Amino acid sequence: MTRQILSAATLMAAPFLSSGASAQAPRPNPGAACPAGTHYATIRHNQVKPGEWATFEGAVAAHNAWYVSHGNKTATKLSRVIALGSGKPSLSTTEAVTTTVYTAAPQPAHDAAYDAFIAKYRASSTLKDEARVCL
């Protein structure tokens, strides 16, 4: 199922990927497909590496700070996963869900600060699956 979701996400994202001269052209806004009253968002399910929870939280904070520094009101929320087992339910330290809700404004150009928070995500976690949705 995860592979199917990632394959679908790849196919959906393909028209928005560009290189060379076409990279200068504005990209279509995927949020335009969302019904009125909803917001375009990305939901990511991450496997957090052992001992890297604080780094992952720092990546989310840096992600939000990056949008703020660019005057964009897009925001990412970290949701804790509840680990259910034979004992008392507890908060997982190995799984996380992030939800990024985008504004209608164009996304800022990627820069060194963008690369830095992406590096934090990659150092602290592995992306299990991702879905682009209308919330």
Protein backbone atom coordinates (compact mmCIF):
# COMPACT_ATOMS: atom_id res chain seq x y z
CA MET A 1 0.00 0.00 0.00
CA THR A 2 2.83 2.40 0.89
CA ARG A 3 4.45 1.71 -2.46
CA GLN A 4 1.12 2.44 -4.21
CA ILE A 5 0.75 5.75 -2.36
CA LEU A 6 4.32 6.77 -3.20
CA SER A 7 3.84 5.73 -6.84
CA ALA A 8 0.66 7.77 -7.05
CA ALA A 9 2.38 10.74 -5.38
CA THR A 10 5.26 10.47 -7.86
CA LEU A 11 2.86 10.42 -10.80
CA MET A 12 0.92 13.37 -9.42
CA ALA A 13 4.10 15.34 -8.79
CA ALA A 14 5.68 14.61 -12.20
CA PRO A 15 3.98 17.53 -14.00
CA PHE A 16 5.33 19.91 -11.36
CA LEU A 17 8.95 18.82 -11.62
CA SER A 18 11.04 20.90 -13.95
CA SER A 19 14.61 21.58 -14.93
CA GLY A 20 16.59 23.89 -17.14
CA ALA A 21 14.83 26.83 -18.76
CA SER A 22 11.39 25.63 -17.72
CA ALA A 23 12.43 25.94 -14.05
CA GLN A 24 11.90 29.70 -14.36
CA ALA A 25 8.25 29.33 -15.36
CA PRO A 26 5.71 29.50 -12.52
CA ARG A 27 4.50 26.08 -11.46
CA PRO A 28 0.79 25.33 -11.47
CA ASN A 29 -0.76 25.54 -8.01
CA PRO A 30 -1.90 22.01 -7.03
CA GLY A 31 -4.20 23.59 -4.46
CA ALA A 32 -6.33 24.92 -7.31
CA ALA A 33 -7.81 21.40 -7.53
CA CYS A 34 -9.16 21.60 -3.96
CA PRO A 35 -12.85 22.34 -3.43
CA ALA A 36 -13.87 25.72 -2.04
CA GLY A 37 -13.43 25.93 1.71
CA THR A 38 -10.56 23.42 1.81
CA HIS A 39 -6.80 23.86 1.86
CA TYR A 40 -4.09 22.03 -0.04
CA ALA A 41 -1.90 20.03 2.35
CA THR A 42 0.76 17.33 2.54
CA ILE A 43 0.55 14.59 5.16
CA ARG A 44 3.79 12.72 5.78
CA HIS A 45 4.27 9.60 7.90
CA ASN A 46 7.86 9.35 9.12
CA GLN A 47 9.90 6.63 10.80
CA VAL A 48 12.05 8.52 13.31
CA LYS A 49 15.51 7.06 13.81
CA PRO A 50 16.40 5.82 17.32
CA GLY A 51 17.51 8.69 19.54
CA GLU A 52 16.66 11.32 16.90
CA TRP A 53 13.31 12.60 18.16
CA ALA A 54 14.75 15.97 19.23
CA THR A 55 16.44 16.39 15.83
CA PHE A 56 13.16 15.59 14.08
CA GLU A 57 11.30 18.14 16.22
CA GLY A 58 14.03 20.63 15.34
CA ALA A 59 13.46 19.93 11.65
CA VAL A 60 9.75 20.73 12.04
CA ALA A 61 10.59 23.95 13.91
CA ALA A 62 13.13 24.95 11.24
CA HIS A 63 10.59 24.11 8.52
CA ASN A 64 8.07 26.51 10.09
CA ALA A 65 10.73 29.17 10.71
CA TRP A 66 11.72 29.01 7.05
CA TYR A 67 8.16 29.84 5.94
CA VAL A 68 7.91 32.66 8.51
CA SER A 69 11.24 34.12 7.35
CA HIS A 70 9.86 34.25 3.81
CA GLY A 71 6.59 35.94 4.82
CA ASN A 72 4.57 32.84 3.90
CA LYS A 73 1.78 31.59 6.18
CA THR A 74 2.22 27.91 5.27
CA ALA A 75 2.58 25.87 8.47
CA THR A 76 3.67 22.36 9.42
CA LYS A 77 2.19 20.63 12.46
CA LEU A 78 3.81 17.68 14.18
CA SER A 79 1.38 15.02 15.39
CA ARG A 80 2.42 12.35 17.85
CA VAL A 81 1.58 8.73 17.03
CA ILE A 82 0.09 6.66 19.83
CA ALA A 83 1.85 3.32 20.25
CA LEU A 84 -0.65 0.62 21.11
CA GLY A 85 0.72 -2.54 22.62
CA SER A 86 -0.04 -5.08 25.26
CA GLY A 87 0.48 -2.46 27.97
CA LYS A 88 -0.67 1.09 28.47
CA PRO A 89 -0.82 3.23 25.27
CA SER A 90 2.14 5.60 24.97
CA LEU A 91 3.53 8.19 22.60
CA SER A 92 5.76 6.68 19.95
CA THR A 93 9.33 7.93 19.74
CA THR A 94 9.84 6.14 16.40
CA GLU A 95 6.89 7.37 14.34
CA ALA A 96 5.61 10.84 13.56
CA VAL A 97 3.05 12.43 11.27
CA THR A 98 3.48 15.94 9.91
CA THR A 99 0.79 17.94 8.17
CA THR A 100 1.82 20.91 6.07
CA VAL A 101 -1.08 23.20 5.17
CA TYR A 102 -0.16 25.52 2.32
CA THR A 103 -1.38 29.05 1.70
CA ALA A 104 -2.55 30.09 -1.74
CA ALA A 105 0.58 32.28 -2.07
CA PRO A 106 3.39 31.00 -4.29
CA GLN A 107 5.94 28.89 -2.45
CA PRO A 108 9.25 30.63 -1.66
CA ALA A 109 12.33 29.68 -3.67
CA HIS A 110 14.45 27.02 -2.02
CA ASP A 111 17.62 28.34 -0.42
CA ALA A 112 20.32 27.26 2.05
CA ALA A 113 17.91 27.42 5.01
CA TYR A 114 15.50 25.15 3.12
CA ASP A 115 18.32 22.70 2.43
CA ALA A 116 19.26 22.79 6.13
CA PHE A 117 15.83 21.74 7.44
CA ILE A 118 15.52 19.08 4.74
CA ALA A 119 18.93 17.73 5.88
CA LYS A 120 17.60 17.58 9.46
CA TYR A 121 14.56 15.60 8.34
CA ARG A 122 16.78 13.18 6.39
CA ALA A 123 19.27 12.79 9.24
CA SER A 124 16.55 12.03 11.79
CA SER A 125 13.92 10.08 9.87
CA THR A 126 12.85 8.05 6.89
CA LEU A 127 9.71 8.99 4.97
CA LYS A 128 7.30 6.04 5.11
CA ASP A 129 4.58 7.58 2.94
CA GLU A 130 3.16 10.88 1.81
CA ALA A 131 -0.23 12.07 0.56
CA ARG A 132 -1.27 15.36 -1.03
CA VAL A 133 -4.78 16.18 0.14
CA CYS A 134 -7.45 18.84 0.45
CA LEU A 135 -8.31 19.47 4.14
